[in-house]
PDB file of N, CA and C in Angstrom:
ATOM      1  N   MET A   1      57.520  73.007 133.761  1.00  0.00           N
ATOM      2  CA  MET A   1      58.351  74.086 133.260  1.00  0.00           C
ATOM      3  C   MET A   1      59.778  73.563 133.092  1.00  0.00           C
ATOM      4  N   ASN A   2      60.367  73.828 131.960  1.00  0.00           N
ATOM      5  CA  ASN A   2      61.720  73.323 131.715  1.00  0.00           C
ATOM      6  C   ASN A   2      62.773  74.336 132.172  1.00  0.00           C
ATOM      7  N   TRP A   3      64.024  73.896 132.190  1.00  0.00           N
ATOM      8  CA  TRP A   3      65.114  74.736 132.689  1.00  0.00           C
ATOM      9  C   TRP A   3      65.333  75.970 131.823  1.00  0.00           C
ATOM     10  N   GLU A   4      65.126  75.826 130.546  1.00  0.00           N
ATOM     11  CA  GLU A   4      65.329  76.946 129.629  1.00  0.00           C
ATOM     12  C   GLU A   4      64.429  78.122 130.012  1.00  0.00           C
ATOM     13  N   ARG A   5      63.148  77.853 130.191  1.00  0.00           N
ATOM     14  CA  ARG A   5      62.197  78.908 130.567  1.00  0.00           C
ATOM     15  C   ARG A   5      62.466  79.439 131.968  1.00  0.00           C
ATOM     16  N   THR A   6      62.892  78.557 132.851  1.00  0.00           N
ATOM     17  CA  THR A   6      63.191  78.995 134.217  1.00  0.00           C
ATOM     18  C   THR A   6      64.313  80.014 134.230  1.00  0.00           C
ATOM     19  N   PHE A   7      65.389  79.731 133.496  1.00  0.00           N
ATOM     20  CA  PHE A   7      66.510  80.669 133.455  1.00  0.00           C
ATOM     21  C   PHE A   7      66.139  81.956 132.727  1.00  0.00           C
ATOM     22  N   GLN A   8      65.293  81.885 131.722  1.00  0.00           N
ATOM     23  CA  GLN A   8      64.836  83.099 131.053  1.00  0.00           C
ATOM     24  C   GLN A   8      64.025  83.960 132.010  1.00  0.00           C
ATOM     25  N   LEU A   9      63.149  83.335 132.762  1.00  0.00           N
ATOM     26  CA  LEU A   9      62.343  84.069 133.738  1.00  0.00           C
ATOM     27  C   LEU A   9      63.225  84.692 134.811  1.00  0.00           C
ATOM     28  N   LEU A  10      64.208  83.949 135.285  1.00  0.00           N
ATOM     29  CA  LEU A  10      65.124  84.497 136.290  1.00  0.00           C
ATOM     30  C   LEU A  10      65.917  85.682 135.758  1.00  0.00           C
ATOM     31  N   SER A  11      66.320  85.625 134.511  1.00  0.00           N
ATOM     32  CA  SER A  11      67.085  86.747 133.963  1.00  0.00           C
ATOM     33  C   SER A  11      66.224  87.999 133.864  1.00  0.00           C
ATOM     34  N   VAL A  12      64.955  87.845 133.517  1.00  0.00           N
ATOM     35  CA  VAL A  12      64.055  89.002 133.456  1.00  0.00           C
ATOM     36  C   VAL A  12      63.800  89.560 134.851  1.00  0.00           C
ATOM     37  N   VAL A  13      63.615  88.671 135.820  1.00  0.00           N
ATOM     38  CA  VAL A  13      63.381  89.117 137.194  1.00  0.00           C
ATOM     39  C   VAL A  13      64.592  89.873 137.729  1.00  0.00           C
ATOM     40  N   PHE A  14      65.780  89.334 137.495  1.00  0.00           N
ATOM     41  CA  PHE A  14      66.980  90.015 137.979  1.00  0.00           C
ATOM     42  C   PHE A  14      67.225  91.332 137.241  1.00  0.00           C
ATOM     43  N   ALA A  15      66.856  91.417 135.987  1.00  0.00           N
ATOM     44  CA  ALA A  15      66.973  92.693 135.278  1.00  0.00           C
ATOM     45  C   ALA A  15      66.031  93.732 135.886  1.00  0.00           C
ATOM     46  N   GLY A  16      64.832  93.302 136.247  1.00  0.00           N
ATOM     47  CA  GLY A  16      63.901  94.219 136.910  1.00  0.00           C
ATOM     48  C   GLY A  16      64.402  94.674 138.265  1.00  0.00           C
ATOM     49  N   ILE A  17      64.944  93.750 139.025  1.00  0.00           N
ATOM     50  CA  ILE A  17      65.495  94.112 140.337  1.00  0.00           C
ATOM     51  C   ILE A  17      66.677  95.059 140.174  1.00  0.00           C
ATOM     52  N   ALA A  18      67.508  94.820 139.157  1.00  0.00           N
ATOM     53  CA  ALA A  18      68.646  95.714 138.905  1.00  0.00           C
ATOM     54  C   ALA A  18      68.163  97.114 138.534  1.00  0.00           C
ATOM     55  N   ALA A  19      67.059  97.201 137.784  1.00  0.00           N
ATOM     56  CA  ALA A  19      66.509  98.519 137.434  1.00  0.00           C
ATOM     57  C   ALA A  19      66.025  99.253 138.680  1.00  0.00           C
ATOM     58  N   VAL A  20      65.433  98.523 139.606  1.00  0.00           N
ATOM     59  CA  VAL A  20      64.981  99.143 140.860  1.00  0.00           C
ATOM     60  C   VAL A  20      66.172  99.641 141.667  1.00  0.00           C
ATOM     61  N   PHE A  21      67.226  98.829 141.731  1.00  0.00           N
ATOM     62  CA  PHE A  21      68.415  99.262 142.452  1.00  0.00           C
ATOM     63  C   PHE A  21      69.055 100.489 141.791  1.00  0.00           C
ATOM     64  N   TYR A  22      69.045 100.551 140.480  1.00  0.00           N
ATOM     65  CA  TYR A  22      69.578 101.717 139.764  1.00  0.00           C
ATOM     66  C   TYR A  22      68.755 102.957 140.079  1.00  0.00           C
ATOM     67  N   TRP A  23      67.460 102.791 140.104  1.00  0.00           N
ATOM     68  CA  TRP A  23      66.550 103.910 140.373  1.00  0.00           C
ATOM     69  C   TRP A  23      66.747 104.448 141.798  1.00  0.00           C
ATOM     70  N   ARG A  24      67.043 103.538 142.738  1.00  0.00           N
ATOM     71  CA  ARG A  24      67.235 103.948 144.127  1.00  0.00           C
ATOM     72  C   ARG A  24      68.670 104.399 144.400  1.00  0.00           C
ATOM     73  N   GLY A  25      69.577 104.228 143.452  1.00  0.00           N
ATOM     74  CA  GLY A  25      70.947 104.696 143.620  1.00  0.00           C
ATOM     75  C   GLY A  25      71.875 103.702 144.277  1.00  0.00           C
ATOM     76  N   ASN A  26      71.484 102.462 144.424  1.00  0.00           N
ATOM     77  CA  ASN A  26      72.320 101.430 145.026  1.00  0.00           C
ATOM     78  C   ASN A  26      73.054 100.699 143.893  1.00  0.00           C
ATOM     79  N   TYR A  27      74.189 101.258 143.495  1.00  0.00           N
ATOM     80  CA  TYR A  27      74.884 100.778 142.310  1.00  0.00           C
ATOM     81  C   TYR A  27      75.608  99.451 142.526  1.00  0.00           C
ATOM     82  N   ASP A  28      76.065  99.186 143.735  1.00  0.00           N
ATOM     83  CA  ASP A  28      76.727  97.908 143.998  1.00  0.00           C
ATOM     84  C   ASP A  28      75.742  96.738 143.870  1.00  0.00           C
ATOM     85  N   ALA A  29      74.577  96.894 144.458  1.00  0.00           N
ATOM     86  CA  ALA A  29      73.559  95.844 144.364  1.00  0.00           C
ATOM     87  C   ALA A  29      73.057  95.719 142.927  1.00  0.00           C
ATOM     88  N   MET A  30      72.983  96.848 142.215  1.00  0.00           N
ATOM     89  CA  MET A  30      72.582  96.805 140.809  1.00  0.00           C
ATOM     90  C   MET A  30      73.567  95.983 139.987  1.00  0.00           C
ATOM     91  N   PHE A  31      74.855  96.187 140.244  1.00  0.00           N
ATOM     92  CA  PHE A  31      75.877  95.444 139.504  1.00  0.00           C
ATOM     93  C   PHE A  31      75.776  93.942 139.780  1.00  0.00           C
ATOM     94  N   VAL A  32      75.612  93.577 141.037  1.00  0.00           N
ATOM     95  CA  VAL A  32      75.547  92.162 141.399  1.00  0.00           C
ATOM     96  C   VAL A  32      74.318  91.508 140.778  1.00  0.00           C
ATOM     97  N   THR A  33      73.160  92.148 140.865  1.00  0.00           N
ATOM     98  CA  THR A  33      71.957  91.553 140.290  1.00  0.00           C
ATOM     99  C   THR A  33      72.024  91.530 138.764  1.00  0.00           C
ATOM    100  N   SER A  34      72.684  92.506 138.169  1.00  0.00           N
ATOM    101  CA  SER A  34      72.865  92.476 136.709  1.00  0.00           C
ATOM    102  C   SER A  34      73.734  91.302 136.284  1.00  0.00           C
ATOM    103  N   VAL A  35      74.778  91.040 137.032  1.00  0.00           N
ATOM    104  CA  VAL A  35      75.659  89.910 136.720  1.00  0.00           C
ATOM    105  C   VAL A  35      74.912  88.589 136.886  1.00  0.00           C
ATOM    106  N   VAL A  36      74.132  88.458 137.941  1.00  0.00           N
ATOM    107  CA  VAL A  36      73.367  87.228 138.155  1.00  0.00           C
ATOM    108  C   VAL A  36      72.330  87.055 137.046  1.00  0.00           C
ATOM    109  N   GLY A  37      71.708  88.155 136.617  1.00  0.00           N
ATOM    110  CA  GLY A  37      70.757  88.090 135.505  1.00  0.00           C
ATOM    111  C   GLY A  37      71.423  87.687 134.208  1.00  0.00           C
ATOM    112  N   ALA A  38      72.629  88.195 133.964  1.00  0.00           N
ATOM    113  CA  ALA A  38      73.364  87.815 132.755  1.00  0.00           C
ATOM    114  C   ALA A  38      73.753  86.344 132.793  1.00  0.00           C
ATOM    115  N   VAL A  39      74.142  85.852 133.951  1.00  0.00           N
ATOM    116  CA  VAL A  39      74.478  84.430 134.091  1.00  0.00           C
ATOM    117  C   VAL A  39      73.254  83.571 133.826  1.00  0.00           C
ATOM    118  N   ALA A  40      72.103  83.988 134.346  1.00  0.00           N
ATOM    119  CA  ALA A  40      70.865  83.240 134.110  1.00  0.00           C
ATOM    120  C   ALA A  40      70.506  83.248 132.623  1.00  0.00           C
ATOM    121  N   PHE A  41      70.727  84.379 131.956  1.00  0.00           N
ATOM    122  CA  PHE A  41      70.451  84.447 130.524  1.00  0.00           C
ATOM    123  C   PHE A  41      71.336  83.487 129.745  1.00  0.00           C
ATOM    124  N   PHE A  42      72.632  83.468 130.057  1.00  0.00           N
ATOM    125  CA  PHE A  42      73.534  82.577 129.337  1.00  0.00           C
ATOM    126  C   PHE A  42      73.273  81.102 129.667  1.00  0.00           C
ATOM    127  N   LEU A  43      72.801  80.831 130.878  1.00  0.00           N
ATOM    128  CA  LEU A  43      72.417  79.455 131.195  1.00  0.00           C
ATOM    129  C   LEU A  43      71.196  79.024 130.388  1.00  0.00           C
ATOM    130  N   SER A  44      70.265  79.948 130.136  1.00  0.00           N
ATOM    131  CA  SER A  44      69.110  79.594 129.299  1.00  0.00           C
ATOM    132  C   SER A  44      69.550  79.303 127.872  1.00  0.00           C
ATOM    133  N   ILE A  45      70.508  80.070 127.368  1.00  0.00           N
ATOM    134  CA  ILE A  45      71.046  79.815 126.030  1.00  0.00           C
ATOM    135  C   ILE A  45      71.741  78.452 126.000  1.00  0.00           C
ATOM    136  N   ARG A  46      72.483  78.149 127.066  1.00  0.00           N
ATOM    137  CA  ARG A  46      73.172  76.858 127.131  1.00  0.00           C
ATOM    138  C   ARG A  46      72.172  75.707 127.122  1.00  0.00           C
ATOM    139  N   MET A  47      71.076  75.849 127.825  1.00  0.00           N
ATOM    140  CA  MET A  47      70.063  74.789 127.846  1.00  0.00           C
ATOM    141  C   MET A  47      69.418  74.614 126.466  1.00  0.00           C
ATOM    142  N   GLN A  48      69.210  75.709 125.749  1.00  0.00           N
ATOM    143  CA  GLN A  48      68.667  75.611 124.385  1.00  0.00           C
ATOM    144  C   GLN A  48      69.615  74.837 123.484  1.00  0.00           C
ATOM    145  N   VAL A  49      70.891  75.174 123.558  1.00  0.00           N
ATOM    146  CA  VAL A  49      71.887  74.498 122.724  1.00  0.00           C
ATOM    147  C   VAL A  49      71.993  73.026 123.101  1.00  0.00           C
ATOM    148  N   LYS A  50      71.941  72.736 124.392  1.00  0.00           N
ATOM    149  CA  LYS A  50      72.037  71.350 124.843  1.00  0.00           C
ATOM    150  C   LYS A  50      70.871  70.516 124.331  1.00  0.00           C
ATOM    151  N   THR A  51      69.655  71.041 124.378  1.00  0.00           N
ATOM    152  CA  THR A  51      68.513  70.270 123.885  1.00  0.00           C
ATOM    153  C   THR A  51      68.601  70.070 122.375  1.00  0.00           C
ATOM    154  N   ARG A  52      69.060  71.079 121.648  1.00  0.00           N
ATOM    155  CA  ARG A  52      69.225  70.922 120.196  1.00  0.00           C
ATOM    156  C   ARG A  52      70.271  69.870 119.867  1.00  0.00           C
ATOM    157  N   LEU A  53      71.383  69.877 120.599  1.00  0.00           N
ATOM    158  CA  LEU A  53      72.430  68.884 120.355  1.00  0.00           C
ATOM    159  C   LEU A  53      71.955  67.478 120.700  1.00  0.00           C
ATOM    160  N   ASP A  54      71.218  67.348 121.790  1.00  0.00           N
ATOM    161  CA  ASP A  54      70.684  66.032 122.150  1.00  0.00           C
ATOM    162  C   ASP A  54      69.719  65.512 121.088  1.00  0.00           C
ATOM    163  N   GLU A  55      68.869  66.394 120.565  1.00  0.00           N
ATOM    164  CA  GLU A  55      67.950  65.987 119.499  1.00  0.00           C
ATOM    165  C   GLU A  55      68.709  65.580 118.242  1.00  0.00           C
ATOM    166  N   ARG A  56      69.741  66.340 117.906  1.00  0.00           N
ATOM    167  CA  ARG A  56      70.535  66.029 116.713  1.00  0.00           C
ATOM    168  C   ARG A  56      71.272  64.706 116.877  1.00  0.00           C
ATOM    169  N   ARG A  57      71.804  64.474 118.060  1.00  0.00           N
ATOM    170  CA  ARG A  57      72.524  63.212 118.297  1.00  0.00           C
ATOM    171  C   ARG A  57      71.593  62.012 118.228  1.00  0.00           C
ATOM    172  N   THR A  58      70.380  62.145 118.745  1.00  0.00           N
ATOM    173  CA  THR A  58      69.450  61.019 118.655  1.00  0.00           C
ATOM    174  C   THR A  58      69.035  60.764 117.214  1.00  0.00           C
ATOM    175  N   LYS A  59      68.861  61.820 116.424  1.00  0.00           N
ATOM    176  CA  LYS A  59      68.524  61.636 115.007  1.00  0.00           C
ATOM    177  C   LYS A  59      69.677  60.973 114.260  1.00  0.00           C
ATOM    178  N   GLU A  60      70.902  61.395 114.558  1.00  0.00           N
ATOM    179  CA  GLU A  60      72.061  60.797 113.901  1.00  0.00           C
ATOM    180  C   GLU A  60      72.242  59.343 114.313  1.00  0.00           C
ATOM    181  N   SER A  61      72.022  59.038 115.569  1.00  0.00           N
ATOM    182  CA  SER A  61      72.188  57.645 116.001  1.00  0.00           C
ATOM    183  C   SER A  61      71.096  56.763 115.412  1.00  0.00           C
ATOM    184  N   GLU A  62      69.891  57.293 115.240  1.00  0.00           N
ATOM    185  CA  GLU A  62      68.829  56.519 114.594  1.00  0.00           C
ATOM    186  C   GLU A  62      69.142  56.297 113.118  1.00  0.00           C
ATOM    187  N   ALA A  63      69.772  57.278 112.485  1.00  0.00           N
ATOM    188  CA  ALA A  63      70.108  57.146 111.072  1.00  0.00           C
ATOM    189  C   ALA A  63      71.270  56.167 110.865  1.00  0.00           C
ATOM    190  N   LYS A  64      72.168  56.066 111.833  1.00  0.00           N
ATOM    191  CA  LYS A  64      73.333  55.195 111.686  1.00  0.00           C
ATOM    192  C   LYS A  64      73.069  53.751 112.072  1.00  0.00           C
ATOM    193  N   THR A  65      71.994  53.474 112.775  1.00  0.00           N
ATOM    194  CA  THR A  65      71.737  52.096 113.170  1.00  0.00           C
ATOM    195  C   THR A  65      71.391  51.266 111.944  1.00  0.00           C
ATOM    196  N   PRO A  66      72.056  50.150 111.774  1.00  0.00           N
ATOM    197  CA  PRO A  66      71.780  49.319 110.598  1.00  0.00           C
ATOM    198  C   PRO A  66      70.419  48.646 110.713  1.00  0.00           C
ATOM    199  N   LYS A  67      69.792  48.489 109.592  1.00  0.00           N
ATOM    200  CA  LYS A  67      68.484  47.858 109.562  1.00  0.00           C
ATOM    201  C   LYS A  67      68.627  46.435 109.018  1.00  0.00           C
ATOM    202  N   PHE A  68      69.262  45.566 109.824  1.00  0.00           N
ATOM    203  CA  PHE A  68      69.481  44.181 109.443  1.00  0.00           C
ATOM    204  C   PHE A  68      68.307  43.330 109.902  1.00  0.00           C
ATOM    205  N   ASN A  69      68.158  42.210 109.228  1.00  0.00           N
ATOM    206  CA  ASN A  69      67.204  41.219 109.674  1.00  0.00           C
ATOM    207  C   ASN A  69      67.917  40.353 110.709  1.00  0.00           C
ATOM    208  N   LEU A  70      67.594  40.544 111.973  1.00  0.00           N
ATOM    209  CA  LEU A  70      68.307  39.843 113.028  1.00  0.00           C
ATOM    210  C   LEU A  70      67.883  38.390 113.163  1.00  0.00           C
ATOM    211  N   ASN A  71      66.845  37.988 112.465  1.00  0.00           N
ATOM    212  CA  ASN A  71      66.416  36.592 112.506  1.00  0.00           C
ATOM    213  C   ASN A  71      67.303  35.705 111.650  1.00  0.00           C
ATOM    214  N   LYS A  72      68.076  36.302 110.780  1.00  0.00           N
ATOM    215  CA  LYS A  72      68.878  35.546 109.835  1.00  0.00           C
ATOM    216  C   LYS A  72      70.334  36.004 109.946  1.00  0.00           C
ATOM    217  N   ILE A  73      71.227  35.112 110.323  1.00  0.00           N
ATOM    218  CA  ILE A  73      72.631  35.450 110.457  1.00  0.00           C
ATOM    219  C   ILE A  73      73.409  34.639 109.434  1.00  0.00           C
ATOM    220  N   CYS A  74      74.136  35.327 108.562  1.00  0.00           N
ATOM    221  CA  CYS A  74      74.912  34.653 107.522  1.00  0.00           C
ATOM    222  C   CYS A  74      76.395  34.772 107.837  1.00  0.00           C
ATOM    223  N   HIS A  75      77.111  33.735 107.532  1.00  0.00           N
ATOM    224  CA  HIS A  75      78.562  33.780 107.694  1.00  0.00           C
ATOM    225  C   HIS A  75      79.215  32.904 106.633  1.00  0.00           C
ATOM    226  N   ALA A  76      80.503  33.059 106.476  1.00  0.00           N
ATOM    227  CA  ALA A  76      81.254  32.303 105.469  1.00  0.00           C
ATOM    228  C   ALA A  76      82.418  31.589 106.143  1.00  0.00           C
ATOM    229  N   SER A  77      82.870  30.532 105.514  1.00  0.00           N
ATOM    230  CA  SER A  77      83.980  29.782 106.096  1.00  0.00           C
ATOM    231  C   SER A  77      85.289  30.534 105.922  1.00  0.00           C
ATOM    232  N   SER A  78      85.451  31.246 104.820  1.00  0.00           N
ATOM    233  CA  SER A  78      86.647  32.063 104.639  1.00  0.00           C
ATOM    234  C   SER A  78      86.257  33.310 103.846  1.00  0.00           C
ATOM    235  N   SER A  79      87.073  34.319 103.929  1.00  0.00           N
ATOM    236  CA  SER A  79      86.730  35.572 103.265  1.00  0.00           C
ATOM    237  C   SER A  79      86.848  35.483 101.746  1.00  0.00           C
ATOM    238  N   ARG A  80      87.714  34.567 101.217  1.00  0.00           N
ATOM    239  CA  ARG A  80      87.865  34.442  99.767  1.00  0.00           C
ATOM    240  C   ARG A  80      86.675  33.739  99.124  1.00  0.00           C
ATOM    241  N   GLN A  81      86.145  32.801  99.808  1.00  0.00           N
ATOM    242  CA  GLN A  81      85.077  32.004  99.223  1.00  0.00           C
ATOM    243  C   GLN A  81      83.711  32.421  99.783  1.00  0.00           C
ATOM    244  N   TRP A  82      83.503  33.678 100.014  1.00  0.00           N
ATOM    245  CA  TRP A  82      82.284  34.191 100.642  1.00  0.00           C
ATOM    246  C   TRP A  82      81.045  33.864  99.822  1.00  0.00           C
ATOM    247  N   ALA A  83      81.056  34.101  98.538  1.00  0.00           N
ATOM    248  CA  ALA A  83      79.870  33.880  97.718  1.00  0.00           C
ATOM    249  C   ALA A  83      79.580  32.397  97.544  1.00  0.00           C
ATOM    250  N   ALA A  84      80.615  31.596  97.453  1.00  0.00           N
ATOM    251  CA  ALA A  84      80.408  30.178  97.182  1.00  0.00           C
ATOM    252  C   ALA A  84      79.985  29.387  98.417  1.00  0.00           C
ATOM    253  N   SER A  85      80.530  29.712  99.576  1.00  0.00           N
ATOM    254  CA  SER A  85      80.290  28.852 100.729  1.00  0.00           C
ATOM    255  C   SER A  85      79.513  29.548 101.850  1.00  0.00           C
ATOM    256  N   ALA A  86      78.734  30.557 101.541  1.00  0.00           N
ATOM    257  CA  ALA A  86      77.969  31.246 102.573  1.00  0.00           C
ATOM    258  C   ALA A  86      76.851  30.363 103.082  1.00  0.00           C
ATOM    259  N   THR A  87      76.777  30.232 104.367  1.00  0.00           N
ATOM    260  CA  THR A  87      75.686  29.464 104.962  1.00  0.00           C
ATOM    261  C   THR A  87      74.879  30.379 105.872  1.00  0.00           C
ATOM    262  N   CYS A  88      73.598  30.173 105.913  1.00  0.00           N
ATOM    263  CA  CYS A  88      72.747  31.014 106.735  1.00  0.00           C
ATOM    264  C   CYS A  88      72.094  30.181 107.823  1.00  0.00           C
ATOM    265  N   ILE A  89      72.060  30.716 109.000  1.00  0.00           N
ATOM    266  CA  ILE A  89      71.465  30.045 110.143  1.00  0.00           C
ATOM    267  C   ILE A  89      70.196  30.809 110.516  1.00  0.00           C
ATOM    268  N   ARG A  90      69.138  30.070 110.742  1.00  0.00           N
ATOM    269  CA  ARG A  90      67.886  30.715 111.171  1.00  0.00           C
ATOM    270  C   ARG A  90      67.666  30.499 112.640  1.00  0.00           C
TER     271      ARG A  90
END
């Protein structure tokens, strides 16, 4: 079970407990459990956003990695004469 589902489940449980406290007339406990349930709900939203951002960052980093042939390294003696004097090392 991942954190996202855990926080969603906790928010539902705390909402149910808050409803019981409301029904019994214990308004202070209802307020506290409602706040804890709201915090759990927002933490589940935060975990959803975090996983989406992590997935997006990995896709972007995979797209930005150059696809060079690492077996072949080319260099030049000077930047002006790059085409004429390029040598490749294997």
